[in-house]
All heavy atoms as atom14 arrays in JSON, in Angstrom:
{
  "sequence": "FNTTLGGGNSPNKTDSLICSANNRTESCENTAEKVGFESDVSVLPRLL",
  "atom14_mask": [
    [1, 1, 1, 1, 1, 1, 1, 1, 1, 1, 1, 0, 0, 0],
    [1, 1, 1, 1, 1, 1, 1, 1, 0, 0, 0, 0, 0, 0],
    [1, 1, 1, 1, 1, 1, 1, 0, 0, 0, 0, 0, 0, 0],
    [1, 1, 1, 1, 1, 1, 1, 0, 0, 0, 0, 0, 0, 0],
    [1, 1, 1, 1, 1, 1, 1, 1, 0, 0, 0, 0, 0, 0],
    [1, 1, 1, 1, 0, 0, 0, 0, 0, 0, 0, 0, 0, 0],
    [1, 1, 1, 1, 0, 0, 0, 0, 0, 0, 0, 0, 0, 0],
    [1, 1, 1, 1, 0, 0, 0, 0, 0, 0, 0, 0, 0, 0],
    [1, 1, 1, 1, 1, 1, 1, 1, 0, 0, 0, 0, 0, 0],
    [1, 1, 1, 1, 1, 1, 0, 0, 0, 0, 0, 0, 0, 0],
    [1, 1, 1, 1, 1, 1, 1, 0, 0, 0, 0, 0, 0, 0],
    [1, 1, 1, 1, 1, 1, 1, 1, 0, 0, 0, 0, 0, 0],
    [1, 1, 1, 1, 1, 1, 1, 1, 1, 0, 0, 0, 0, 0],
    [1, 1, 1, 1, 1, 1, 1, 0, 0, 0, 0, 0, 0, 0],
    [1, 1, 1, 1, 1, 1, 1, 1, 0, 0, 0, 0, 0, 0],
    [1, 1, 1, 1, 1, 1, 0, 0, 0, 0, 0, 0, 0, 0],
    [1, 1, 1, 1, 1, 1, 1, 1, 0, 0, 0, 0, 0, 0],
    [1, 1, 1, 1, 1, 1, 1, 1, 0, 0, 0, 0, 0, 0],
    [1, 1, 1, 1, 1, 1, 0, 0, 0, 0, 0, 0, 0, 0],
    [1, 1, 1, 1, 1, 1, 0, 0, 0, 0, 0, 0, 0, 0],
    [1, 1, 1, 1, 1, 0, 0, 0, 0, 0, 0, 0, 0, 0],
    [1, 1, 1, 1, 1, 1, 1, 1, 0, 0, 0, 0, 0, 0],
    [1, 1, 1, 1, 1, 1, 1, 1, 0, 0, 0, 0, 0, 0],
    [1, 1, 1, 1, 1, 1, 1, 1, 1, 1, 1, 0, 0, 0],
    [1, 1, 1, 1, 1, 1, 1, 0, 0, 0, 0, 0, 0, 0],
    [1, 1, 1, 1, 1, 1, 1, 1, 1, 0, 0, 0, 0, 0],
    [1, 1, 1, 1, 1, 1, 0, 0, 0, 0, 0, 0, 0, 0],
    [1, 1, 1, 1, 1, 1, 0, 0, 0, 0, 0, 0, 0, 0],
    [1, 1, 1, 1, 1, 1, 1, 1, 1, 0, 0, 0, 0, 0],
    [1, 1, 1, 1, 1, 1, 1, 1, 0, 0, 0, 0, 0, 0],
    [1, 1, 1, 1, 1, 1, 1, 0, 0, 0, 0, 0, 0, 0],
    [1, 1, 1, 1, 1, 0, 0, 0, 0, 0, 0, 0, 0, 0],
    [1, 1, 1, 1, 1, 1, 1, 1, 1, 0, 0, 0, 0, 0],
    [1, 1, 1, 1, 1, 1, 1, 1, 1, 0, 0, 0, 0, 0],
    [1, 1, 1, 1, 1, 1, 1, 0, 0, 0, 0, 0, 0, 0],
    [1, 1, 1, 1, 0, 0, 0, 0, 0, 0, 0, 0, 0, 0],
    [1, 1, 1, 1, 1, 1, 1, 1, 1, 1, 1, 0, 0, 0],
    [1, 1, 1, 1, 1, 1, 1, 1, 1, 0, 0, 0, 0, 0],
    [1, 1, 1, 1, 1, 1, 0, 0, 0, 0, 0, 0, 0, 0],
    [1, 1, 1, 1, 1, 1, 1, 1, 0, 0, 0, 0, 0, 0],
    [1, 1, 1, 1, 1, 1, 1, 0, 0, 0, 0, 0, 0, 0],
    [1, 1, 1, 1, 1, 1, 0, 0, 0, 0, 0, 0, 0, 0],
    [1, 1, 1, 1, 1, 1, 1, 0, 0, 0, 0, 0, 0, 0],
    [1, 1, 1, 1, 1, 1, 1, 1, 0, 0, 0, 0, 0, 0],
    [1, 1, 1, 1, 1, 1, 1, 0, 0, 0, 0, 0, 0, 0],
    [1, 1, 1, 1, 1, 1, 1, 1, 1, 1, 1, 0, 0, 0],
    [1, 1, 1, 1, 1, 1, 1, 1, 0, 0, 0, 0, 0, 0],
    [1, 1, 1, 1, 1, 1, 1, 1, 0, 0, 0, 0, 0, 0]
  ],
  "atom14_positions": [
    [[-64.7, -6.51, -48.66], [-64.73, -7.25, -49.92], [-65.13, -8.71, -49.72], [-65.71, -9.33, -50.6], [-63.36, -7.17, -50.6], [-63.33, -7.94, -51.9], [-64.09, -7.52, -52.98], [-62.55, -9.08, -52.03], [-64.06, -8.22, -54.17], [-62.52, -9.79, -53.21], [-63.27, -9.35, -54.29], [0.0, 0.0, 0.0], [0.0, 0.0, 0.0], [0.0, 0.0, 0.0]],
    [[-64.85, -9.25, -48.57], [-65.2, -10.65, -48.34], [-66.71, -10.85, -48.2], [-67.19, -11.97, -48.15], [-64.5, -11.19, -47.09], [-64.85, -10.36, -45.87], [-65.42, -9.3, -45.98], [-64.47, -10.87, -44.7], [0.0, 0.0, 0.0], [0.0, 0.0, 0.0], [0.0, 0.0, 0.0], [0.0, 0.0, 0.0], [0.0, 0.0, 0.0], [0.0, 0.0, 0.0]],
    [[-67.45, -9.71, -48.11], [-68.91, -9.81, -48.03], [-69.56, -9.61, -49.39], [-70.38, -10.4, -49.82], [-69.46, -8.78, -47.03], [-68.83, -8.99, -45.77], [-70.97, -8.89, -46.92], [0.0, 0.0, 0.0], [0.0, 0.0, 0.0], [0.0, 0.0, 0.0], [0.0, 0.0, 0.0], [0.0, 0.0, 0.0], [0.0, 0.0, 0.0], [0.0, 0.0, 0.0]],
    [[-69.15, -8.56, -50.08], [-69.73, -8.26, -51.39], [-68.91, -7.2, -52.09], [-68.19, -6.45, -51.47], [-71.18, -7.76, -51.27], [-71.7, -7.55, -52.58], [-71.29, -6.48, -50.49], [0.0, 0.0, 0.0], [0.0, 0.0, 0.0], [0.0, 0.0, 0.0], [0.0, 0.0, 0.0], [0.0, 0.0, 0.0], [0.0, 0.0, 0.0], [0.0, 0.0, 0.0]],
    [[-69.02, -7.13, -53.39], [-68.35, -6.11, -54.2], [-69.33, -5.63, -55.26], [-69.66, -6.35, -56.17], [-67.11, -6.69, -54.88], [-66.41, -5.78, -55.92], [-65.78, -4.59, -55.23], [-65.39, -6.55, -56.71], [0.0, 0.0, 0.0], [0.0, 0.0, 0.0], [0.0, 0.0, 0.0], [0.0, 0.0, 0.0], [0.0, 0.0, 0.0], [0.0, 0.0, 0.0]],
    [[-69.8, -4.43, -55.13], [-70.67, -3.89, -56.17], [-72.14, -3.99, -55.89], [-72.94, -3.89, -56.8], [0.0, 0.0, 0.0], [0.0, 0.0, 0.0], [0.0, 0.0, 0.0], [0.0, 0.0, 0.0], [0.0, 0.0, 0.0], [0.0, 0.0, 0.0], [0.0, 0.0, 0.0], [0.0, 0.0, 0.0], [0.0, 0.0, 0.0], [0.0, 0.0, 0.0]],
    [[-72.52, -4.24, -54.68], [-73.94, -4.13, -54.34], [-74.75, -5.36, -54.58], [-75.96, -5.3, -54.74], [0.0, 0.0, 0.0], [0.0, 0.0, 0.0], [0.0, 0.0, 0.0], [0.0, 0.0, 0.0], [0.0, 0.0, 0.0], [0.0, 0.0, 0.0], [0.0, 0.0, 0.0], [0.0, 0.0, 0.0], [0.0, 0.0, 0.0], [0.0, 0.0, 0.0]],
    [[-74.16, -6.55, -54.68], [-74.96, -7.77, -54.82], [-75.78, -8.02, -53.59], [-75.49, -7.54, -52.51], [0.0, 0.0, 0.0], [0.0, 0.0, 0.0], [0.0, 0.0, 0.0], [0.0, 0.0, 0.0], [0.0, 0.0, 0.0], [0.0, 0.0, 0.0], [0.0, 0.0, 0.0], [0.0, 0.0, 0.0], [0.0, 0.0, 0.0], [0.0, 0.0, 0.0]],
    [[-76.8, -8.87, -53.71], [-77.71, -9.11, -52.6], [-77.39, -10.39, -51.84], [-77.94, -10.64, -50.79], [-79.15, -9.18, -53.12], [-79.6, -7.85, -53.67], [-79.42, -6.84, -53.02], [-80.17, -7.85, -54.87], [0.0, 0.0, 0.0], [0.0, 0.0, 0.0], [0.0, 0.0, 0.0], [0.0, 0.0, 0.0], [0.0, 0.0, 0.0], [0.0, 0.0, 0.0]],
    [[-76.53, -11.22, -52.4], [-76.23, -12.49, -51.73], [-74.99, -12.35, -50.9], [-74.03, -11.71, -51.28], [-76.05, -13.59, -52.79], [-75.54, -14.75, -52.18], [0.0, 0.0, 0.0], [0.0, 0.0, 0.0], [0.0, 0.0, 0.0], [0.0, 0.0, 0.0], [0.0, 0.0, 0.0], [0.0, 0.0, 0.0], [0.0, 0.0, 0.0], [0.0, 0.0, 0.0]],
    [[-74.95, -12.99, -49.72], [-73.74, -12.93, -48.92], [-72.58, -13.69, -49.55], [-71.45, -13.49, -49.18], [-74.16, -13.57, -47.6], [-75.33, -14.42, -47.94], [-76.03, -13.75, -49.05], [0.0, 0.0, 0.0], [0.0, 0.0, 0.0], [0.0, 0.0, 0.0], [0.0, 0.0, 0.0], [0.0, 0.0, 0.0], [0.0, 0.0, 0.0], [0.0, 0.0, 0.0]],
    [[-72.86, -14.56, -50.52], [-71.8, -15.3, -51.21], [-71.26, -14.43, -52.33], [-71.94, -14.15, -53.29], [-72.36, -16.61, -51.77], [-71.27, -17.47, -52.39], [-70.42, -17.0, -53.13], [-71.33, -18.76, -52.07], [0.0, 0.0, 0.0], [0.0, 0.0, 0.0], [0.0, 0.0, 0.0], [0.0, 0.0, 0.0], [0.0, 0.0, 0.0], [0.0, 0.0, 0.0]],
    [[-70.0, -14.0, -52.22], [-69.48, -13.04, -53.18], [-69.41, -13.63, -54.58], [-69.64, -12.93, -55.56], [-68.1, -12.54, -52.76], [-66.99, -13.57, -52.84], [-65.66, -12.95, -52.45], [-64.53, -13.97, -52.58], [-63.24, -13.4, -52.22], [0.0, 0.0, 0.0], [0.0, 0.0, 0.0], [0.0, 0.0, 0.0], [0.0, 0.0, 0.0], [0.0, 0.0, 0.0]],
    [[-69.09, -14.92, -54.71], [-69.01, -15.52, -56.04], [-70.37, -15.54, -56.71], [-70.52, -15.23, -57.88], [-68.45, -16.95, -55.93], [-67.18, -16.91, -55.3], [-68.28, -17.57, -57.31], [0.0, 0.0, 0.0], [0.0, 0.0, 0.0], [0.0, 0.0, 0.0], [0.0, 0.0, 0.0], [0.0, 0.0, 0.0], [0.0, 0.0, 0.0], [0.0, 0.0, 0.0]],
    [[-71.38, -15.89, -55.96], [-72.72, -15.98, -56.51], [-73.3, -14.61, -56.82], [-74.12, -14.46, -57.71], [-73.62, -16.72, -55.52], [-74.99, -16.97, -56.09], [-75.07, -17.59, -57.17], [-75.98, -16.55, -55.46], [0.0, 0.0, 0.0], [0.0, 0.0, 0.0], [0.0, 0.0, 0.0], [0.0, 0.0, 0.0], [0.0, 0.0, 0.0], [0.0, 0.0, 0.0]],
    [[-72.92, -13.59, -56.07], [-73.54, -12.28, -56.21], [-72.9, -11.43, -57.3], [-73.53, -10.52, -57.81], [-73.47, -11.52, -54.88], [-72.12, -11.28, -54.54], [0.0, 0.0, 0.0], [0.0, 0.0, 0.0], [0.0, 0.0, 0.0], [0.0, 0.0, 0.0], [0.0, 0.0, 0.0], [0.0, 0.0, 0.0], [0.0, 0.0, 0.0], [0.0, 0.0, 0.0]],
    [[-71.62, -11.72, -57.67], [-70.92, -10.84, -58.58], [-70.81, -11.39, -59.99], [-70.75, -10.62, -60.94], [-69.5, -10.57, -58.06], [-69.42, -9.81, -56.74], [-67.98, -9.72, -56.3], [-70.02, -8.44, -56.89], [0.0, 0.0, 0.0], [0.0, 0.0, 0.0], [0.0, 0.0, 0.0], [0.0, 0.0, 0.0], [0.0, 0.0, 0.0], [0.0, 0.0, 0.0]],
    [[-70.74, -12.65, -60.15], [-70.4, -13.23, -61.44], [-71.47, -14.2, -61.91], [-72.45, -14.45, -61.23], [-69.03, -13.93, -61.37], [-69.05, -15.05, -60.34], [-67.93, -12.92, -61.06], [-67.74, -15.82, -60.25], [0.0, 0.0, 0.0], [0.0, 0.0, 0.0], [0.0, 0.0, 0.0], [0.0, 0.0, 0.0], [0.0, 0.0, 0.0], [0.0, 0.0, 0.0]],
    [[-71.22, -14.71, -63.11], [-72.16, -15.63, -63.73], [-72.38, -16.85, -62.84], [-71.43, -17.47, -62.37], [-71.62, -16.04, -65.09], [-72.71, -17.14, -66.02], [0.0, 0.0, 0.0], [0.0, 0.0, 0.0], [0.0, 0.0, 0.0], [0.0, 0.0, 0.0], [0.0, 0.0, 0.0], [0.0, 0.0, 0.0], [0.0, 0.0, 0.0], [0.0, 0.0, 0.0]],
    [[-73.65, -17.17, -62.58], [-73.97, -18.27, -61.69], [-75.19, -19.0, -62.2], [-76.12, -18.4, -62.76], [-74.22, -17.77, -60.26], [-74.68, -18.8, -59.43], [0.0, 0.0, 0.0], [0.0, 0.0, 0.0], [0.0, 0.0, 0.0], [0.0, 0.0, 0.0], [0.0, 0.0, 0.0], [0.0, 0.0, 0.0], [0.0, 0.0, 0.0], [0.0, 0.0, 0.0]],
    [[-75.2, -20.29, -62.0], [-76.36, -21.09, -62.42], [-77.5, -20.98, -61.42], [-78.63, -21.38, -61.72], [-75.93, -22.56, -62.57], [0.0, 0.0, 0.0], [0.0, 0.0, 0.0], [0.0, 0.0, 0.0], [0.0, 0.0, 0.0], [0.0, 0.0, 0.0], [0.0, 0.0, 0.0], [0.0, 0.0, 0.0], [0.0, 0.0, 0.0], [0.0, 0.0, 0.0]],
    [[-77.22, -20.46, -60.24], [-78.26, -20.35, -59.21], [-79.16, -19.14, -59.5], [-78.68, -18.06, -59.85], [-77.63, -20.18, -57.83], [-76.79, -21.39, -57.45], [-77.12, -22.52, -57.8], [-75.7, -21.14, -56.73], [0.0, 0.0, 0.0], [0.0, 0.0, 0.0], [0.0, 0.0, 0.0], [0.0, 0.0, 0.0], [0.0, 0.0, 0.0], [0.0, 0.0, 0.0]],
    [[-80.46, -19.34, -59.32], [-81.4, -18.23, -59.51], [-81.24, -17.22, -58.37], [-81.08, -17.59, -57.21], [-82.84, -18.75, -59.53], [-83.13, -19.55, -60.79], [-82.6, -19.23, -61.85], [-83.97, -20.57, -60.66], [0.0, 0.0, 0.0], [0.0, 0.0, 0.0], [0.0, 0.0, 0.0], [0.0, 0.0, 0.0], [0.0, 0.0, 0.0], [0.0, 0.0, 0.0]],
    [[-81.28, -15.93, -58.73], [-81.15, -14.87, -57.73], [-82.52, -14.24, -57.49], [-83.3, -14.03, -58.41], [-80.19, -13.78, -58.21], [-78.74, -14.23, -58.35], [-77.87, -13.03, -58.73], [-76.46, -13.38, -58.78], [-75.83, -13.79, -59.86], [-76.49, -13.94, -61.0], [-74.55, -14.06, -59.83], [0.0, 0.0, 0.0], [0.0, 0.0, 0.0], [0.0, 0.0, 0.0]],
    [[-82.79, -13.91, -56.25], [-84.01, -13.18, -55.9], [-83.6, -12.0, -55.03], [-82.65, -12.08, -54.25], [-84.99, -14.07, -55.12], [-84.36, -14.57, -53.94], [-85.47, -15.23, -55.99], [0.0, 0.0, 0.0], [0.0, 0.0, 0.0], [0.0, 0.0, 0.0], [0.0, 0.0, 0.0], [0.0, 0.0, 0.0], [0.0, 0.0, 0.0], [0.0, 0.0, 0.0]],
    [[-84.32, -10.92, -55.19], [-84.03, -9.72, -54.41], [-84.77, -9.78, -53.09], [-85.99, -9.87, -53.05], [-84.43, -8.46, -55.19], [-84.02, -7.18, -54.49], [-84.37, -5.97, -55.33], [-85.28, -6.06, -56.16], [-83.73, -4.92, -55.14], [0.0, 0.0, 0.0], [0.0, 0.0, 0.0], [0.0, 0.0, 0.0], [0.0, 0.0, 0.0], [0.0, 0.0, 0.0]],
    [[-84.02, -9.73, -52.0], [-84.62, -9.78, -50.68], [-84.9, -8.37, -50.2], [-84.0, -7.55, -50.09], [-83.67, -10.49, -49.7], [-84.2, -10.45, -48.39], [0.0, 0.0, 0.0], [0.0, 0.0, 0.0], [0.0, 0.0, 0.0], [0.0, 0.0, 0.0], [0.0, 0.0, 0.0], [0.0, 0.0, 0.0], [0.0, 0.0, 0.0], [0.0, 0.0, 0.0]],
    [[-86.17, -8.07, -49.93], [-86.55, -6.73, -49.48], [-87.07, -6.73, -48.06], [-87.62, -5.75, -47.58], [-87.64, -6.17, -50.41], [-87.08, -5.98, -52.12], [0.0, 0.0, 0.0], [0.0, 0.0, 0.0], [0.0, 0.0, 0.0], [0.0, 0.0, 0.0], [0.0, 0.0, 0.0], [0.0, 0.0, 0.0], [0.0, 0.0, 0.0], [0.0, 0.0, 0.0]],
    [[-86.94, -7.85, -47.37], [-87.4, -7.93, -45.99], [-86.3, -7.51, -45.04], [-85.14, -7.82, -45.22], [-87.84, -9.36, -45.66], [-89.02, -9.86, -46.52], [-89.38, -11.28, -46.17], [-88.7, -11.85, -45.27], [-90.3, -11.83, -46.79], [0.0, 0.0, 0.0], [0.0, 0.0, 0.0], [0.0, 0.0, 0.0], [0.0, 0.0, 0.0], [0.0, 0.0, 0.0]],
    [[-86.73, -6.8, -43.98], [-85.8, -6.39, -42.92], [-84.62, -5.6, -43.48], [-83.5, -5.75, -43.05], [-85.28, -7.61, -42.15], [-86.39, -8.4, -41.51], [-87.35, -7.84, -41.01], [-86.26, -9.72, -41.54], [0.0, 0.0, 0.0], [0.0, 0.0, 0.0], [0.0, 0.0, 0.0], [0.0, 0.0, 0.0], [0.0, 0.0, 0.0], [0.0, 0.0, 0.0]],
    [[-84.93, -4.76, -44.47], [-83.86, -3.96, -45.1], [-83.21, -3.03, -44.09], [-82.0, -2.84, -44.08], [-84.45, -3.13, -46.26], [-85.1, -4.02, -47.17], [-83.37, -2.37, -46.99], [0.0, 0.0, 0.0], [0.0, 0.0, 0.0], [0.0, 0.0, 0.0], [0.0, 0.0, 0.0], [0.0, 0.0, 0.0], [0.0, 0.0, 0.0], [0.0, 0.0, 0.0]],
    [[-84.01, -2.48, -43.21], [-83.45, -1.53, -42.25], [-82.42, -2.17, -41.36], [-81.37, -1.59, -41.07], [-84.58, -0.92, -41.4], [0.0, 0.0, 0.0], [0.0, 0.0, 0.0], [0.0, 0.0, 0.0], [0.0, 0.0, 0.0], [0.0, 0.0, 0.0], [0.0, 0.0, 0.0], [0.0, 0.0, 0.0], [0.0, 0.0, 0.0], [0.0, 0.0, 0.0]],
    [[-82.68, -3.42, -40.95], [-81.71, -4.07, -40.08], [-80.42, -4.38, -40.83], [-79.34, -4.37, -40.26], [-82.32, -5.36, -39.52], [-83.39, -5.15, -38.46], [-84.75, -4.83, -39.07], [-84.83, -4.68, -40.3], [-85.73, -4.73, -38.31], [0.0, 0.0, 0.0], [0.0, 0.0, 0.0], [0.0, 0.0, 0.0], [0.0, 0.0, 0.0], [0.0, 0.0, 0.0]],
    [[-80.53, -4.68, -42.13], [-79.35, -5.06, -42.9], [-78.4, -3.9, -43.11], [-77.2, -4.07, -43.18], [-79.78, -5.6, -44.27], [-80.45, -6.96, -44.21], [-80.76, -7.44, -45.62], [-81.42, -8.8, -45.6], [-81.67, -9.28, -46.98], [0.0, 0.0, 0.0], [0.0, 0.0, 0.0], [0.0, 0.0, 0.0], [0.0, 0.0, 0.0], [0.0, 0.0, 0.0]],
    [[-78.94, -2.72, -43.27], [-78.09, -1.59, -43.65], [-78.01, -0.54, -42.55], [-77.75, 0.62, -42.8], [-78.6, -0.95, -44.96], [-78.43, -1.88, -46.11], [-80.06, -0.52, -44.83], [0.0, 0.0, 0.0], [0.0, 0.0, 0.0], [0.0, 0.0, 0.0], [0.0, 0.0, 0.0], [0.0, 0.0, 0.0], [0.0, 0.0, 0.0], [0.0, 0.0, 0.0]],
    [[-78.24, -0.93, -41.34], [-78.04, 0.0, -40.24], [-79.1, 1.08, -40.17], [-78.79, 2.25, -40.26], [0.0, 0.0, 0.0], [0.0, 0.0, 0.0], [0.0, 0.0, 0.0], [0.0, 0.0, 0.0], [0.0, 0.0, 0.0], [0.0, 0.0, 0.0], [0.0, 0.0, 0.0], [0.0, 0.0, 0.0], [0.0, 0.0, 0.0], [0.0, 0.0, 0.0]],
    [[-80.36, 0.7, -40.03], [-81.48, 1.62, -39.89], [-81.67, 2.49, -41.13], [-82.23, 3.56, -41.06], [-81.31, 2.53, -38.65], [-81.15, 1.76, -37.39], [-79.9, 1.6, -36.82], [-82.25, 1.17, -36.78], [-79.75, 0.87, -35.66], [-82.1, 0.44, -35.62], [-80.85, 0.29, -35.05], [0.0, 0.0, 0.0], [0.0, 0.0, 0.0], [0.0, 0.0, 0.0]],
    [[-81.17, 2.04, -42.27], [-81.32, 2.84, -43.48], [-82.09, 2.05, -44.52], [-81.84, 0.89, -44.76], [-79.95, 3.2, -44.06], [-80.04, 3.88, -45.41], [-78.71, 3.91, -46.11], [-77.75, 3.33, -45.59], [-78.66, 4.48, -47.19], [0.0, 0.0, 0.0], [0.0, 0.0, 0.0], [0.0, 0.0, 0.0], [0.0, 0.0, 0.0], [0.0, 0.0, 0.0]],
    [[-83.04, 2.67, -45.14], [-83.75, 2.09, -46.28], [-83.34, 2.84, -47.53], [-83.06, 4.03, -47.49], [-85.26, 2.19, -46.1], [-85.93, 1.82, -47.28], [0.0, 0.0, 0.0], [0.0, 0.0, 0.0], [0.0, 0.0, 0.0], [0.0, 0.0, 0.0], [0.0, 0.0, 0.0], [0.0, 0.0, 0.0], [0.0, 0.0, 0.0], [0.0, 0.0, 0.0]],
    [[-83.29, 2.13, -48.67], [-82.9, 2.77, -49.91], [-83.84, 3.89, -50.29], [-83.5, 4.76, -51.07], [-82.85, 1.74, -51.05], [-81.67, 0.79, -50.9], [-80.75, 1.17, -50.17], [-81.68, -0.3, -51.51], [0.0, 0.0, 0.0], [0.0, 0.0, 0.0], [0.0, 0.0, 0.0], [0.0, 0.0, 0.0], [0.0, 0.0, 0.0], [0.0, 0.0, 0.0]],
    [[-85.05, 3.83, -49.79], [-86.02, 4.87, -50.14], [-86.41, 5.66, -48.89], [-87.51, 6.19, -48.8], [-87.27, 4.24, -50.8], [-86.92, 3.68, -52.15], [-87.89, 3.16, -49.92], [0.0, 0.0, 0.0], [0.0, 0.0, 0.0], [0.0, 0.0, 0.0], [0.0, 0.0, 0.0], [0.0, 0.0, 0.0], [0.0, 0.0, 0.0], [0.0, 0.0, 0.0]],
    [[-85.53, 5.74, -47.93], [-85.83, 6.43, -46.69], [-86.17, 7.89, -46.95], [-85.51, 8.57, -47.73], [-84.64, 6.33, -45.73], [-84.89, 7.07, -44.56], [0.0, 0.0, 0.0], [0.0, 0.0, 0.0], [0.0, 0.0, 0.0], [0.0, 0.0, 0.0], [0.0, 0.0, 0.0], [0.0, 0.0, 0.0], [0.0, 0.0, 0.0], [0.0, 0.0, 0.0]],
    [[-87.21, 8.37, -46.27], [-87.65, 9.75, -46.43], [-86.83, 10.7, -45.58], [-86.62, 11.86, -45.95], [-89.15, 9.86, -46.07], [-89.62, 11.3, -46.14], [-89.98, 8.99, -47.01], [0.0, 0.0, 0.0], [0.0, 0.0, 0.0], [0.0, 0.0, 0.0], [0.0, 0.0, 0.0], [0.0, 0.0, 0.0], [0.0, 0.0, 0.0], [0.0, 0.0, 0.0]],
    [[-86.33, 10.23, -44.44], [-85.67, 11.11, -43.49], [-84.45, 11.84, -44.07], [-84.32, 13.05, -43.86], [-85.27, 10.33, -42.23], [-84.66, 11.17, -41.1], [-85.6, 12.29, -40.69], [-84.33, 10.29, -39.9], [0.0, 0.0, 0.0], [0.0, 0.0, 0.0], [0.0, 0.0, 0.0], [0.0, 0.0, 0.0], [0.0, 0.0, 0.0], [0.0, 0.0, 0.0]],
    [[-83.53, 11.17, -44.79], [-82.41, 11.93, -45.36], [-82.86, 13.05, -46.29], [-82.32, 14.16, -46.24], [-81.62, 10.86, -46.12], [-81.97, 9.58, -45.47], [-83.4, 9.73, -45.06], [0.0, 0.0, 0.0], [0.0, 0.0, 0.0], [0.0, 0.0, 0.0], [0.0, 0.0, 0.0], [0.0, 0.0, 0.0], [0.0, 0.0, 0.0], [0.0, 0.0, 0.0]],
    [[-83.85, 12.78, -47.1], [-84.37, 13.81, -48.01], [-85.02, 14.95, -47.23], [-84.87, 16.12, -47.58], [-85.38, 13.19, -48.98], [-84.84, 11.99, -49.75], [-85.83, 11.48, -50.77], [-85.38, 10.19, -51.33], [-85.91, 9.63, -52.4], [-86.91, 10.22, -53.03], [-85.45, 8.47, -52.86], [0.0, 0.0, 0.0], [0.0, 0.0, 0.0], [0.0, 0.0, 0.0]],
    [[-85.72, 14.59, -46.16], [-86.37, 15.6, -45.33], [-85.33, 16.49, -44.64], [-85.51, 17.71, -44.54], [-87.27, 14.93, -44.29], [-88.08, 15.86, -43.39], [-89.03, 16.71, -44.22], [-88.86, 15.05, -42.35], [0.0, 0.0, 0.0], [0.0, 0.0, 0.0], [0.0, 0.0, 0.0], [0.0, 0.0, 0.0], [0.0, 0.0, 0.0], [0.0, 0.0, 0.0]],
    [[-84.25, 15.9, -44.17], [-83.19, 16.68, -43.52], [-82.53, 17.64, -44.5], [-82.26, 18.8, -44.16], [-82.14, 15.74, -42.92], [-82.56, 14.98, -41.66], [-81.5, 13.95, -41.28], [-82.81, 15.94, -40.5], [0.0, 0.0, 0.0], [0.0, 0.0, 0.0], [0.0, 0.0, 0.0], [0.0, 0.0, 0.0], [0.0, 0.0, 0.0], [0.0, 0.0, 0.0]]
  ]
}
């Protein structure tokens, strides 16, 4: 929970979950490293 709650993209839990004046951008770089060799659109799980 100290990292995120509900799938936000920012490591700051306050900024990622609730109303914030800061602009949010979706980071799609190095997704595999972030989630342990898994991509949200990975073909391998579907293939298995």
